[in-house]
PDB file of N, CA and C in Angstrom:
ATOM      1  N   GLN A   1      75.749  21.308   8.025  1.00  0.00           N
ATOM      2  CA  GLN A   1      75.602  22.735   7.907  1.00  0.00           C
ATOM      3  C   GLN A   1      74.238  23.156   8.456  1.00  0.00           C
ATOM      4  N   LEU A   2      74.175  24.382   8.935  1.00  0.00           N
ATOM      5  CA  LEU A   2      72.921  24.958   9.386  1.00  0.00           C
ATOM      6  C   LEU A   2      72.161  25.476   8.169  1.00  0.00           C
ATOM      7  N   GLN A   3      70.937  25.006   7.994  1.00  0.00           N
ATOM      8  CA  GLN A   3      70.145  25.408   6.843  1.00  0.00           C
ATOM      9  C   GLN A   3      68.732  25.789   7.244  1.00  0.00           C
ATOM     10  N   LEU A   4      68.232  26.855   6.623  1.00  0.00           N
ATOM     11  CA  LEU A   4      66.854  27.284   6.745  1.00  0.00           C
ATOM     12  C   LEU A   4      66.266  27.332   5.343  1.00  0.00           C
ATOM     13  N   VAL A   5      65.102  26.736   5.162  1.00  0.00           N
ATOM     14  CA  VAL A   5      64.464  26.668   3.857  1.00  0.00           C
ATOM     15  C   VAL A   5      63.065  27.247   3.954  1.00  0.00           C
ATOM     16  N   GLU A   6      62.819  28.342   3.220  1.00  0.00           N
ATOM     17  CA  GLU A   6      61.501  28.959   3.169  1.00  0.00           C
ATOM     18  C   GLU A   6      60.662  28.326   2.067  1.00  0.00           C
ATOM     19  N   SER A   7      59.362  28.286   2.288  1.00  0.00           N
ATOM     20  CA  SER A   7      58.429  27.811   1.279  1.00  0.00           C
ATOM     21  C   SER A   7      57.082  28.481   1.507  1.00  0.00           C
ATOM     22  N   GLY A   8      56.205  28.373   0.527  1.00  0.00           N
ATOM     23  CA  GLY A   8      54.854  28.891   0.652  1.00  0.00           C
ATOM     24  C   GLY A   8      54.585  30.176  -0.097  1.00  0.00           C
ATOM     25  N   GLY A   9      55.597  30.758  -0.717  1.00  0.00           N
ATOM     26  CA  GLY A   9      55.394  31.975  -1.473  1.00  0.00           C
ATOM     27  C   GLY A   9      54.672  31.710  -2.780  1.00  0.00           C
ATOM     28  N   GLY A  10      54.284  32.790  -3.444  1.00  0.00           N
ATOM     29  CA  GLY A  10      53.585  32.670  -4.707  1.00  0.00           C
ATOM     30  C   GLY A  10      52.890  33.953  -5.079  1.00  0.00           C
ATOM     31  N   LEU A  11      52.000  33.849  -6.047  1.00  0.00           N
ATOM     32  CA  LEU A  11      51.220  34.984  -6.535  1.00  0.00           C
ATOM     33  C   LEU A  11      49.856  34.983  -5.864  1.00  0.00           C
ATOM     34  N   VAL A  12      49.472  36.119  -5.302  1.00  0.00           N
ATOM     35  CA  VAL A  12      48.193  36.240  -4.617  1.00  0.00           C
ATOM     36  C   VAL A  12      47.580  37.595  -4.936  1.00  0.00           C
ATOM     37  N   GLN A  13      46.254  37.661  -4.976  1.00  0.00           N
ATOM     38  CA  GLN A  13      45.562  38.916  -5.235  1.00  0.00           C
ATOM     39  C   GLN A  13      45.555  39.798  -3.994  1.00  0.00           C
ATOM     40  N   PRO A  14      45.472  41.115  -4.171  1.00  0.00           N
ATOM     41  CA  PRO A  14      45.339  41.993  -3.011  1.00  0.00           C
ATOM     42  C   PRO A  14      44.173  41.571  -2.128  1.00  0.00           C
ATOM     43  N   GLY A  15      44.416  41.579  -0.825  1.00  0.00           N
ATOM     44  CA  GLY A  15      43.425  41.120   0.127  1.00  0.00           C
ATOM     45  C   GLY A  15      43.505  39.650   0.442  1.00  0.00           C
ATOM     46  N   GLY A  16      44.312  38.919  -0.293  1.00  0.00           N
ATOM     47  CA  GLY A  16      44.454  37.495  -0.086  1.00  0.00           C
ATOM     48  C   GLY A  16      45.416  37.152   1.034  1.00  0.00           C
ATOM     49  N   SER A  17      45.658  35.855   1.200  1.00  0.00           N
ATOM     50  CA  SER A  17      46.491  35.357   2.289  1.00  0.00           C
ATOM     51  C   SER A  17      47.502  34.343   1.788  1.00  0.00           C
ATOM     52  N   LEU A  18      48.614  34.271   2.490  1.00  0.00           N
ATOM     53  CA  LEU A  18      49.630  33.255   2.271  1.00  0.00           C
ATOM     54  C   LEU A  18      50.192  32.836   3.621  1.00  0.00           C
ATOM     55  N   ARG A  19      50.626  31.594   3.706  1.00  0.00           N
ATOM     56  CA  ARG A  19      51.297  31.088   4.890  1.00  0.00           C
ATOM     57  C   ARG A  19      52.679  30.606   4.489  1.00  0.00           C
ATOM     58  N   LEU A  20      53.700  31.274   4.996  1.00  0.00           N
ATOM     59  CA  LEU A  20      55.073  30.903   4.726  1.00  0.00           C
ATOM     60  C   LEU A  20      55.594  29.978   5.811  1.00  0.00           C
ATOM     61  N   SER A  21      56.454  29.048   5.411  1.00  0.00           N
ATOM     62  CA  SER A  21      57.087  28.130   6.342  1.00  0.00           C
ATOM     63  C   SER A  21      58.592  28.295   6.276  1.00  0.00           C
ATOM     64  N   CYS A  22      59.237  28.119   7.407  1.00  0.00           N
ATOM     65  CA  CYS A  22      60.689  28.157   7.518  1.00  0.00           C
ATOM     66  C   CYS A  22      61.116  26.894   8.249  1.00  0.00           C
ATOM     67  N   ALA A  23      61.668  25.953   7.513  1.00  0.00           N
ATOM     68  CA  ALA A  23      62.068  24.667   8.073  1.00  0.00           C
ATOM     69  C   ALA A  23      63.576  24.627   8.274  1.00  0.00           C
ATOM     70  N   ALA A  24      63.992  24.186   9.445  1.00  0.00           N
ATOM     71  CA  ALA A  24      65.406  24.101   9.778  1.00  0.00           C
ATOM     72  C   ALA A  24      65.904  22.675   9.611  1.00  0.00           C
ATOM     73  N   SER A  25      67.115  22.549   9.119  1.00  0.00           N
ATOM     74  CA  SER A  25      67.784  21.255   9.031  1.00  0.00           C
ATOM     75  C   SER A  25      69.229  21.415   9.469  1.00  0.00           C
ATOM     76  N   GLY A  26      69.783  20.357  10.041  1.00  0.00           N
ATOM     77  CA  GLY A  26      71.145  20.406  10.528  1.00  0.00           C
ATOM     78  C   GLY A  26      71.282  20.958  11.930  1.00  0.00           C
ATOM     79  N   PHE A  27      70.208  21.500  12.481  1.00  0.00           N
ATOM     80  CA  PHE A  27      70.214  22.022  13.834  1.00  0.00           C
ATOM     81  C   PHE A  27      68.778  22.125  14.318  1.00  0.00           C
ATOM     82  N   THR A  28      68.617  22.285  15.619  1.00  0.00           N
ATOM     83  CA  THR A  28      67.293  22.484  16.196  1.00  0.00           C
ATOM     84  C   THR A  28      67.067  23.958  16.485  1.00  0.00           C
ATOM     85  N   LEU A  29      65.832  24.400  16.328  1.00  0.00           N
ATOM     86  CA  LEU A  29      65.478  25.797  16.562  1.00  0.00           C
ATOM     87  C   LEU A  29      65.223  26.123  18.021  1.00  0.00           C
ATOM     88  N   ASP A  30      65.341  25.151  18.906  1.00  0.00           N
ATOM     89  CA  ASP A  30      64.976  25.349  20.311  1.00  0.00           C
ATOM     90  C   ASP A  30      65.724  26.496  20.967  1.00  0.00           C
ATOM     91  N   TYR A  31      66.970  26.721  20.576  1.00  0.00           N
ATOM     92  CA  TYR A  31      67.802  27.732  21.222  1.00  0.00           C
ATOM     93  C   TYR A  31      68.005  28.969  20.351  1.00  0.00           C
ATOM     94  N   TYR A  32      67.086  29.213  19.442  1.00  0.00           N
ATOM     95  CA  TYR A  32      67.197  30.337  18.519  1.00  0.00           C
ATOM     96  C   TYR A  32      65.940  31.187  18.530  1.00  0.00           C
ATOM     97  N   ALA A  33      66.133  32.503  18.529  1.00  0.00           N
ATOM     98  CA  ALA A  33      65.073  33.398  18.113  1.00  0.00           C
ATOM     99  C   ALA A  33      65.030  33.413  16.589  1.00  0.00           C
ATOM    100  N   ILE A  34      63.839  33.589  16.018  1.00  0.00           N
ATOM    101  CA  ILE A  34      63.663  33.546  14.571  1.00  0.00           C
ATOM    102  C   ILE A  34      63.030  34.845  14.095  1.00  0.00           C
ATOM    103  N   GLY A  35      63.542  35.356  12.997  1.00  0.00           N
ATOM    104  CA  GLY A  35      62.975  36.540  12.384  1.00  0.00           C
ATOM    105  C   GLY A  35      62.549  36.283  10.951  1.00  0.00           C
ATOM    106  N   TRP A  36      61.507  36.982  10.521  1.00  0.00           N
ATOM    107  CA  TRP A  36      61.098  37.030   9.122  1.00  0.00           C
ATOM    108  C   TRP A  36      61.422  38.410   8.571  1.00  0.00           C
ATOM    109  N   PHE A  37      61.982  38.442   7.374  1.00  0.00           N
ATOM    110  CA  PHE A  37      62.401  39.673   6.729  1.00  0.00           C
ATOM    111  C   PHE A  37      61.951  39.659   5.279  1.00  0.00           C
ATOM    112  N   ARG A  38      61.937  40.826   4.673  1.00  0.00           N
ATOM    113  CA  ARG A  38      61.601  40.906   3.255  1.00  0.00           C
ATOM    114  C   ARG A  38      62.467  41.954   2.579  1.00  0.00           C
ATOM    115  N   GLN A  39      62.669  41.755   1.284  1.00  0.00           N
ATOM    116  CA  GLN A  39      63.456  42.692   0.503  1.00  0.00           C
ATOM    117  C   GLN A  39      62.860  42.810  -0.893  1.00  0.00           C
ATOM    118  N   ALA A  40      62.448  44.016  -1.237  1.00  0.00           N
ATOM    119  CA  ALA A  40      61.947  44.321  -2.565  1.00  0.00           C
ATOM    120  C   ALA A  40      63.088  44.876  -3.405  1.00  0.00           C
ATOM    121  N   PRO A  41      62.994  44.777  -4.734  1.00  0.00           N
ATOM    122  CA  PRO A  41      64.060  45.299  -5.590  1.00  0.00           C
ATOM    123  C   PRO A  41      64.351  46.766  -5.313  1.00  0.00           C
ATOM    124  N   GLY A  42      65.627  47.080  -5.121  1.00  0.00           N
ATOM    125  CA  GLY A  42      66.045  48.446  -4.877  1.00  0.00           C
ATOM    126  C   GLY A  42      65.818  48.949  -3.468  1.00  0.00           C
ATOM    127  N   LYS A  43      65.342  48.102  -2.576  1.00  0.00           N
ATOM    128  CA  LYS A  43      65.071  48.515  -1.206  1.00  0.00           C
ATOM    129  C   LYS A  43      65.919  47.732  -0.216  1.00  0.00           C
ATOM    130  N   GLU A  44      66.067  48.295   0.972  1.00  0.00           N
ATOM    131  CA  GLU A  44      66.791  47.631   2.037  1.00  0.00           C
ATOM    132  C   GLU A  44      65.963  46.484   2.605  1.00  0.00           C
ATOM    133  N   ARG A  45      66.657  45.483   3.116  1.00  0.00           N
ATOM    134  CA  ARG A  45      65.982  44.391   3.792  1.00  0.00           C
ATOM    135  C   ARG A  45      65.378  44.902   5.096  1.00  0.00           C
ATOM    136  N   GLU A  46      64.118  44.553   5.329  1.00  0.00           N
ATOM    137  CA  GLU A  46      63.429  45.010   6.517  1.00  0.00           C
ATOM    138  C   GLU A  46      62.801  43.844   7.266  1.00  0.00           C
ATOM    139  N   GLY A  47      62.769  43.969   8.577  1.00  0.00           N
ATOM    140  CA  GLY A  47      62.142  42.961   9.396  1.00  0.00           C
ATOM    141  C   GLY A  47      60.630  43.117   9.408  1.00  0.00           C
ATOM    142  N   VAL A  48      59.908  42.006   9.326  1.00  0.00           N
ATOM    143  CA  VAL A  48      58.456  42.031   9.392  1.00  0.00           C
ATOM    144  C   VAL A  48      57.921  41.311  10.618  1.00  0.00           C
ATOM    145  N   SER A  49      58.753  40.525  11.282  1.00  0.00           N
ATOM    146  CA  SER A  49      58.321  39.838  12.491  1.00  0.00           C
ATOM    147  C   SER A  49      59.489  39.109  13.119  1.00  0.00           C
ATOM    148  N   CYS A  50      59.366  38.803  14.394  1.00  0.00           N
ATOM    149  CA  CYS A  50      60.315  37.934  15.068  1.00  0.00           C
ATOM    150  C   CYS A  50      59.607  37.239  16.209  1.00  0.00           C
ATOM    151  N   ILE A  51      60.197  36.132  16.654  1.00  0.00           N
ATOM    152  CA  ILE A  51      59.646  35.368  17.760  1.00  0.00           C
ATOM    153  C   ILE A  51      60.795  34.874  18.625  1.00  0.00           C
ATOM    154  N   SER A  52      60.639  34.981  19.939  1.00  0.00           N
ATOM    155  CA  SER A  52      61.682  34.572  20.867  1.00  0.00           C
ATOM    156  C   SER A  52      61.824  33.059  20.881  1.00  0.00           C
ATOM    157  N   ARG A  53      62.890  32.576  21.521  1.00  0.00           N
ATOM    158  CA  ARG A  53      63.175  31.146  21.522  1.00  0.00           C
ATOM    159  C   ARG A  53      62.056  30.323  22.127  1.00  0.00           C
ATOM    160  N   SER A  54      61.367  30.865  23.115  1.00  0.00           N
ATOM    161  CA  SER A  54      60.269  30.153  23.762  1.00  0.00           C
ATOM    162  C   SER A  54      58.915  30.425  23.115  1.00  0.00           C
ATOM    163  N   GLY A  55      58.857  31.394  22.214  1.00  0.00           N
ATOM    164  CA  GLY A  55      57.598  31.804  21.621  1.00  0.00           C
ATOM    165  C   GLY A  55      56.814  32.791  22.460  1.00  0.00           C
ATOM    166  N   GLY A  56      57.359  33.213  23.590  1.00  0.00           N
ATOM    167  CA  GLY A  56      56.643  34.083  24.492  1.00  0.00           C
ATOM    168  C   GLY A  56      56.666  35.552  24.132  1.00  0.00           C
ATOM    169  N   SER A  57      57.472  35.933  23.167  1.00  0.00           N
ATOM    170  CA  SER A  57      57.581  37.329  22.771  1.00  0.00           C
ATOM    171  C   SER A  57      57.639  37.419  21.256  1.00  0.00           C
ATOM    172  N   THR A  58      56.848  38.326  20.685  1.00  0.00           N
ATOM    173  CA  THR A  58      56.857  38.588  19.248  1.00  0.00           C
ATOM    174  C   THR A  58      56.855  40.084  19.002  1.00  0.00           C
ATOM    175  N   ASN A  59      57.322  40.485  17.828  1.00  0.00           N
ATOM    176  CA  ASN A  59      57.352  41.890  17.445  1.00  0.00           C
ATOM    177  C   ASN A  59      56.957  42.039  15.987  1.00  0.00           C
ATOM    178  N   TYR A  60      56.284  43.157  15.679  1.00  0.00           N
ATOM    179  CA  TYR A  60      55.864  43.475  14.323  1.00  0.00           C
ATOM    180  C   TYR A  60      55.997  44.973  14.093  1.00  0.00           C
ATOM    181  N   PRO A  61      56.458  45.387  12.919  1.00  0.00           N
ATOM    182  CA  PRO A  61      56.424  46.806  12.592  1.00  0.00           C
ATOM    183  C   PRO A  61      55.001  47.236  12.249  1.00  0.00           C
ATOM    184  N   ASP A  62      54.758  48.541  12.282  1.00  0.00           N
ATOM    185  CA  ASP A  62      53.422  49.051  12.013  1.00  0.00           C
ATOM    186  C   ASP A  62      52.909  48.671  10.627  1.00  0.00           C
ATOM    187  N   SER A  63      53.814  48.484   9.677  1.00  0.00           N
ATOM    188  CA  SER A  63      53.416  48.194   8.313  1.00  0.00           C
ATOM    189  C   SER A  63      52.682  46.860   8.164  1.00  0.00           C
ATOM    190  N   VAL A  64      52.924  45.923   9.088  1.00  0.00           N
ATOM    191  CA  VAL A  64      52.293  44.606   8.993  1.00  0.00           C
ATOM    192  C   VAL A  64      51.483  44.249  10.230  1.00  0.00           C
ATOM    193  N   LYS A  65      51.551  45.064  11.261  1.00  0.00           N
ATOM    194  CA  LYS A  65      50.855  44.766  12.511  1.00  0.00           C
ATOM    195  C   LYS A  65      49.359  44.588  12.266  1.00  0.00           C
ATOM    196  N   GLY A  66      48.820  43.516  12.806  1.00  0.00           N
ATOM    197  CA  GLY A  66      47.419  43.204  12.617  1.00  0.00           C
ATOM    198  C   GLY A  66      47.131  42.365  11.397  1.00  0.00           C
ATOM    199  N   ARG A  67      48.106  42.235  10.496  1.00  0.00           N
ATOM    200  CA  ARG A  67      47.934  41.441   9.281  1.00  0.00           C
ATOM    201  C   ARG A  67      48.805  40.186   9.264  1.00  0.00           C
ATOM    202  N   PHE A  68      49.998  40.276   9.848  1.00  0.00           N
ATOM    203  CA  PHE A  68      50.937  39.157   9.865  1.00  0.00           C
ATOM    204  C   PHE A  68      50.994  38.555  11.260  1.00  0.00           C
ATOM    205  N   THR A  69      51.169  37.237  11.328  1.00  0.00           N
ATOM    206  CA  THR A  69      51.306  36.532  12.591  1.00  0.00           C
ATOM    207  C   THR A  69      52.410  35.492  12.474  1.00  0.00           C
ATOM    208  N   ILE A  70      53.366  35.551  13.387  1.00  0.00           N
ATOM    209  CA  ILE A  70      54.453  34.578  13.421  1.00  0.00           C
ATOM    210  C   ILE A  70      54.156  33.537  14.495  1.00  0.00           C
ATOM    211  N   SER A  71      54.538  32.305  14.231  1.00  0.00           N
ATOM    212  CA  SER A  71      54.380  31.234  15.201  1.00  0.00           C
ATOM    213  C   SER A  71      55.484  30.211  14.991  1.00  0.00           C
ATOM    214  N   ARG A  72      55.687  29.363  15.988  1.00  0.00           N
ATOM    215  CA  ARG A  72      56.714  28.342  15.857  1.00  0.00           C
ATOM    216  C   ARG A  72      56.226  27.023  16.420  1.00  0.00           C
ATOM    217  N   ASP A  73      56.710  25.949  15.823  1.00  0.00           N
ATOM    218  CA  ASP A  73      56.424  24.597  16.266  1.00  0.00           C
ATOM    219  C   ASP A  73      57.767  23.894  16.379  1.00  0.00           C
ATOM    220  N   ASN A  74      58.335  23.918  17.577  1.00  0.00           N
ATOM    221  CA  ASN A  74      59.670  23.355  17.760  1.00  0.00           C
ATOM    222  C   ASN A  74      59.704  21.852  17.522  1.00  0.00           C
ATOM    223  N   ALA A  75      58.584  21.171  17.749  1.00  0.00           N
ATOM    224  CA  ALA A  75      58.529  19.739  17.494  1.00  0.00           C
ATOM    225  C   ALA A  75      58.738  19.437  16.014  1.00  0.00           C
ATOM    226  N   LYS A  76      58.288  20.344  15.146  1.00  0.00           N
ATOM    227  CA  LYS A  76      58.477  20.197  13.706  1.00  0.00           C
ATOM    228  C   LYS A  76      59.687  20.957  13.199  1.00  0.00           C
ATOM    229  N   ASN A  77      60.391  21.648  14.108  1.00  0.00           N
ATOM    230  CA  ASN A  77      61.564  22.429  13.746  1.00  0.00           C
ATOM    231  C   ASN A  77      61.234  23.445  12.655  1.00  0.00           C
ATOM    232  N   THR A  78      60.074  24.093  12.798  1.00  0.00           N
ATOM    233  CA  THR A  78      59.548  24.969  11.761  1.00  0.00           C
ATOM    234  C   THR A  78      58.941  26.224  12.379  1.00  0.00           C
ATOM    235  N   VAL A  79      59.117  27.345  11.685  1.00  0.00           N
ATOM    236  CA  VAL A  79      58.501  28.617  12.038  1.00  0.00           C
ATOM    237  C   VAL A  79      57.614  29.046  10.880  1.00  0.00           C
ATOM    238  N   TYR A  80      56.483  29.665  11.199  1.00  0.00           N
ATOM    239  CA  TYR A  80      55.511  30.056  10.194  1.00  0.00           C
ATOM    240  C   TYR A  80      55.279  31.558  10.215  1.00  0.00           C
ATOM    241  N   LEU A  81      54.865  32.088   9.072  1.00  0.00           N
ATOM    242  CA  LEU A  81      54.414  33.462   8.971  1.00  0.00           C
ATOM    243  C   LEU A  81      53.092  33.466   8.213  1.00  0.00           C
ATOM    244  N   GLN A  82      52.007  33.726   8.937  1.00  0.00           N
ATOM    245  CA  GLN A  82      50.691  33.848   8.325  1.00  0.00           C
ATOM    246  C   GLN A  82      50.500  35.290   7.898  1.00  0.00           C
ATOM    247  N   MET A  83      50.225  35.506   6.620  1.00  0.00           N
ATOM    248  CA  MET A  83      50.068  36.838   6.064  1.00  0.00           C
ATOM    249  C   MET A  83      48.651  36.977   5.523  1.00  0.00           C
ATOM    250  N   ASN A  84      47.899  37.907   6.089  1.00  0.00           N
ATOM    251  CA  ASN A  84      46.525  38.171   5.678  1.00  0.00           C
ATOM    252  C   ASN A  84      46.406  39.597   5.152  1.00  0.00           C
ATOM    253  N   SER A  85      45.315  39.859   4.445  1.00  0.00           N
ATOM    254  CA  SER A  85      45.037  41.189   3.900  1.00  0.00           C
ATOM    255  C   SER A  85      46.238  41.747   3.151  1.00  0.00           C
ATOM    256  N   LEU A  86      46.796  40.945   2.281  1.00  0.00           N
ATOM    257  CA  LEU A  86      48.021  41.323   1.589  1.00  0.00           C
ATOM    258  C   LEU A  86      47.797  42.501   0.645  1.00  0.00           C
ATOM    259  N   LYS A  87      48.818  43.342   0.562  1.00  0.00           N
ATOM    260  CA  LYS A  87      48.800  44.537  -0.265  1.00  0.00           C
ATOM    261  C   LYS A  87      49.899  44.447  -1.318  1.00  0.00           C
ATOM    262  N   PRO A  88      49.761  45.173  -2.431  1.00  0.00           N
ATOM    263  CA  PRO A  88      50.830  45.164  -3.436  1.00  0.00           C
ATOM    264  C   PRO A  88      52.190  45.542  -2.870  1.00  0.00           C
ATOM    265  N   GLU A  89      52.230  46.436  -1.890  1.00  0.00           N
ATOM    266  CA  GLU A  89      53.495  46.835  -1.297  1.00  0.00           C
ATOM    267  C   GLU A  89      54.138  45.748  -0.444  1.00  0.00           C
ATOM    268  N   ASP A  90      53.431  44.643  -0.218  1.00  0.00           N
ATOM    269  CA  ASP A  90      54.021  43.494   0.456  1.00  0.00           C
ATOM    270  C   ASP A  90      54.858  42.634  -0.482  1.00  0.00           C
ATOM    271  N   THR A  91      54.825  42.924  -1.768  1.00  0.00           N
ATOM    272  CA  THR A  91      55.584  42.157  -2.745  1.00  0.00           C
ATOM    273  C   THR A  91      57.077  42.252  -2.458  1.00  0.00           C
ATOM    274  N   ALA A  92      57.726  41.113  -2.290  1.00  0.00           N
ATOM    275  CA  ALA A  92      59.144  41.061  -1.956  1.00  0.00           C
ATOM    276  C   ALA A  92      59.580  39.611  -1.885  1.00  0.00           C
ATOM    277  N   VAL A  93      60.882  39.413  -1.762  1.00  0.00           N
ATOM    278  CA  VAL A  93      61.414  38.116  -1.384  1.00  0.00           C
ATOM    279  C   VAL A  93      61.431  38.060   0.139  1.00  0.00           C
ATOM    280  N   TYR A  94      60.859  37.013   0.692  1.00  0.00           N
ATOM    281  CA  TYR A  94      60.765  36.867   2.136  1.00  0.00           C
ATOM    282  C   TYR A  94      61.781  35.845   2.628  1.00  0.00           C
ATOM    283  N   TYR A  95      62.509  36.211   3.668  1.00  0.00           N
ATOM    284  CA  TYR A  95      63.548  35.381   4.246  1.00  0.00           C
ATOM    285  C   TYR A  95      63.259  35.111   5.719  1.00  0.00           C
ATOM    286  N   CYS A  96      63.650  33.941   6.183  1.00  0.00           N
ATOM    287  CA  CYS A  96      63.707  33.703   7.615  1.00  0.00           C
ATOM    288  C   CYS A  96      65.164  33.618   8.035  1.00  0.00           C
ATOM    289  N   ALA A  97      65.420  33.918   9.296  1.00  0.00           N
ATOM    290  CA  ALA A  97      66.773  33.919   9.817  1.00  0.00           C
ATOM    291  C   ALA A  97      66.752  33.512  11.284  1.00  0.00           C
ATOM    292  N   ALA A  98      67.872  32.972  11.747  1.00  0.00           N
ATOM    293  CA  ALA A  98      67.985  32.455  13.105  1.00  0.00           C
ATOM    294  C   ALA A  98      69.062  33.202  13.883  1.00  0.00           C
ATOM    295  N   GLN A  99      68.778  33.476  15.146  1.00  0.00           N
ATOM    296  CA  GLN A  99      69.716  34.119  16.058  1.00  0.00           C
ATOM    297  C   GLN A  99      69.894  33.228  17.276  1.00  0.00           C
ATOM    298  N   TRP A 100      71.114  32.797  17.529  1.00  0.00           N
ATOM    299  CA  TRP A 100      71.400  31.903  18.643  1.00  0.00           C
ATOM    300  C   TRP A 100      71.164  32.602  19.972  1.00  0.00           C
ATOM    301  N   ARG A 101      70.358  31.992  20.818  1.00  0.00           N
ATOM    302  CA  ARG A 101      70.046  32.508  22.139  1.00  0.00           C
ATOM    303  C   ARG A 101      70.172  31.376  23.154  1.00  0.00           C
ATOM    304  N   PRO A 102      71.409  31.085  23.602  1.00  0.00           N
ATOM    305  CA  PRO A 102      71.609  29.951  24.513  1.00  0.00           C
ATOM    306  C   PRO A 102      71.156  30.196  25.945  1.00  0.00           C
ATOM    307  N   THR A 103      70.890  31.449  26.318  1.00  0.00           N
ATOM    308  CA  THR A 103      70.500  31.777  27.678  1.00  0.00           C
ATOM    309  C   THR A 103      68.996  31.649  27.826  1.00  0.00           C
ATOM    310  N   PRO A 104      68.520  30.725  28.638  1.00  0.00           N
ATOM    311  CA  PRO A 104      67.079  30.451  28.673  1.00  0.00           C
ATOM    312  C   PRO A 104      66.228  31.581  29.218  1.00  0.00           C
ATOM    313  N   TRP A 105      66.797  32.477  30.048  1.00  0.00           N
ATOM    314  CA  TRP A 105      65.991  33.549  30.617  1.00  0.00           C
ATOM    315  C   TRP A 105      65.911  34.774  29.708  1.00  0.00           C
ATOM    316  N   VAL A 106      66.582  34.737  28.566  1.00  0.00           N
ATOM    317  CA  VAL A 106      66.462  35.802  27.582  1.00  0.00           C
ATOM    318  C   VAL A 106      65.271  35.476  26.685  1.00  0.00           C
ATOM    319  N   ASN A 107      64.199  36.241  26.823  1.00  0.00           N
ATOM    320  CA  ASN A 107      62.950  35.976  26.114  1.00  0.00           C
ATOM    321  C   ASN A 107      62.583  37.177  25.253  1.00  0.00           C
ATOM    322  N   THR A 108      63.504  37.564  24.388  1.00  0.00           N
ATOM    323  CA  THR A 108      63.295  38.690  23.501  1.00  0.00           C
ATOM    324  C   THR A 108      63.664  38.304  22.078  1.00  0.00           C
ATOM    325  N   CYS A 109      63.287  39.155  21.120  1.00  0.00           N
ATOM    326  CA  CYS A 109      63.690  38.954  19.735  1.00  0.00           C
ATOM    327  C   CYS A 109      63.863  40.309  19.070  1.00  0.00           C
ATOM    328  N   SER A 110      64.570  40.301  17.944  1.00  0.00           N
ATOM    329  CA  SER A 110      64.901  41.515  17.218  1.00  0.00           C
ATOM    330  C   SER A 110      64.409  41.430  15.783  1.00  0.00           C
ATOM    331  N   THR A 111      63.956  42.576  15.244  1.00  0.00           N
ATOM    332  CA  THR A 111      63.586  42.659  13.841  1.00  0.00           C
ATOM    333  C   THR A 111      64.639  43.402  13.022  1.00  0.00           C
ATOM    334  N   SER A 112      65.844  43.523  13.568  1.00  0.00           N
ATOM    335  CA  SER A 112      66.944  44.149  12.846  1.00  0.00           C
ATOM    336  C   SER A 112      67.724  43.088  12.090  1.00  0.00           C
ATOM    337  N   PRO A 113      67.884  43.222  10.767  1.00  0.00           N
ATOM    338  CA  PRO A 113      68.629  42.209   9.999  1.00  0.00           C
ATOM    339  C   PRO A 113      70.060  42.016  10.465  1.00  0.00           C
ATOM    340  N   THR A 114      70.678  43.058  11.019  1.00  0.00           N
ATOM    341  CA  THR A 114      72.069  42.969  11.435  1.00  0.00           C
ATOM    342  C   THR A 114      72.258  42.074  12.651  1.00  0.00           C
ATOM    343  N   ASP A 115      71.193  41.707  13.326  1.00  0.00           N
ATOM    344  CA  ASP A 115      71.288  40.838  14.494  1.00  0.00           C
ATOM    345  C   ASP A 115      71.255  39.361  14.133  1.00  0.00           C
ATOM    346  N   TYR A 116      71.172  39.034  12.858  1.00  0.00           N
ATOM    347  CA  TYR A 116      71.045  37.658  12.416  1.00  0.00           C
ATOM    348  C   TYR A 116      72.203  37.259  11.520  1.00  0.00           C
ATOM    349  N   ILE A 117      72.593  35.996  11.618  1.00  0.00           N
ATOM    350  CA  ILE A 117      73.716  35.475  10.843  1.00  0.00           C
ATOM    351  C   ILE A 117      73.275  34.396   9.855  1.00  0.00           C
ATOM    352  N   ASP A 118      72.411  33.484  10.288  1.00  0.00           N
ATOM    353  CA  ASP A 118      71.994  32.359   9.464  1.00  0.00           C
ATOM    354  C   ASP A 118      70.686  32.678   8.757  1.00  0.00           C
ATOM    355  N   TRP A 119      70.712  32.603   7.426  1.00  0.00           N
ATOM    356  CA  TRP A 119      69.586  32.999   6.591  1.00  0.00           C
ATOM    357  C   TRP A 119      69.168  31.894   5.642  1.00  0.00           C
ATOM    358  N   GLY A 120      67.874  31.858   5.332  1.00  0.00           N
ATOM    359  CA  GLY A 120      67.384  30.984   4.286  1.00  0.00           C
ATOM    360  C   GLY A 120      67.589  31.602   2.920  1.00  0.00           C
ATOM    361  N   GLN A 121      67.166  30.871   1.886  1.00  0.00           N
ATOM    362  CA  GLN A 121      67.380  31.330   0.508  1.00  0.00           C
ATOM    363  C   GLN A 121      66.308  32.295   0.032  1.00  0.00           C
ATOM    364  N   GLY A 122      65.196  32.370   0.734  1.00  0.00           N
ATOM    365  CA  GLY A 122      64.124  33.273   0.385  1.00  0.00           C
ATOM    366  C   GLY A 122      63.044  32.624  -0.459  1.00  0.00           C
ATOM    367  N   THR A 123      61.836  33.177  -0.364  1.00  0.00           N
ATOM    368  CA  THR A 123      60.716  32.747  -1.190  1.00  0.00           C
ATOM    369  C   THR A 123      59.981  33.988  -1.684  1.00  0.00           C
ATOM    370  N   GLN A 124      59.627  34.001  -2.964  1.00  0.00           N
ATOM    371  CA  GLN A 124      59.025  35.172  -3.586  1.00  0.00           C
ATOM    372  C   GLN A 124      57.544  35.265  -3.253  1.00  0.00           C
ATOM    373  N   VAL A 125      57.122  36.443  -2.823  1.00  0.00           N
ATOM    374  CA  VAL A 125      55.716  36.755  -2.614  1.00  0.00           C
ATOM    375  C   VAL A 125      55.352  37.912  -3.532  1.00  0.00           C
ATOM    376  N   THR A 126      54.371  37.700  -4.391  1.00  0.00           N
ATOM    377  CA  THR A 126      53.920  38.727  -5.313  1.00  0.00           C
ATOM    378  C   THR A 126      52.434  38.963  -5.102  1.00  0.00           C
ATOM    379  N   VAL A 127      52.069  40.197  -4.797  1.00  0.00           N
ATOM    380  CA  VAL A 127      50.675  40.577  -4.563  1.00  0.00           C
ATOM    381  C   VAL A 127      50.248  41.465  -5.722  1.00  0.00           C
ATOM    382  N   SER A 128      49.390  40.948  -6.572  1.00  0.00           N
ATOM    383  CA  SER A 128      48.992  41.665  -7.777  1.00  0.00           C
ATOM    384  C   SER A 128      47.683  41.104  -8.299  1.00  0.00           C
ATOM    385  N   SER A 129      46.924  41.969  -8.984  1.00  0.00           N
ATOM    386  CA  SER A 129      45.711  41.531  -9.648  1.00  0.00           C
ATOM    387  C   SER A 129      46.010  40.878 -10.982  1.00  0.00           C
TER     388      SER A 129
END
């Protein structure tokens, strides 16, 4: 089975940092664009970052731009999300997801949840004093 497992979440004070990991098993990430998403209670799932299959293209919404950084290490079959200057409104369950991109000249990614099929189980991030 295709599996994505998030880790690295936890409790952090405002202004602090966390590094989330998304490890793939059962498949290789080489032919997938990867997105990071979050969902707070009572809110819609929203994209916070994505990275193309080659790593050459990334996207961020204004809410996290300049604070979050996505990266990938295909040799480790893992994608990371570095989160700095965290705010209480960043509190949510964070998910990674994979989008199959078999065409090598397609070097784009999407932050829309509807464009993804394979999802991890999520990891809780809580920003509070």
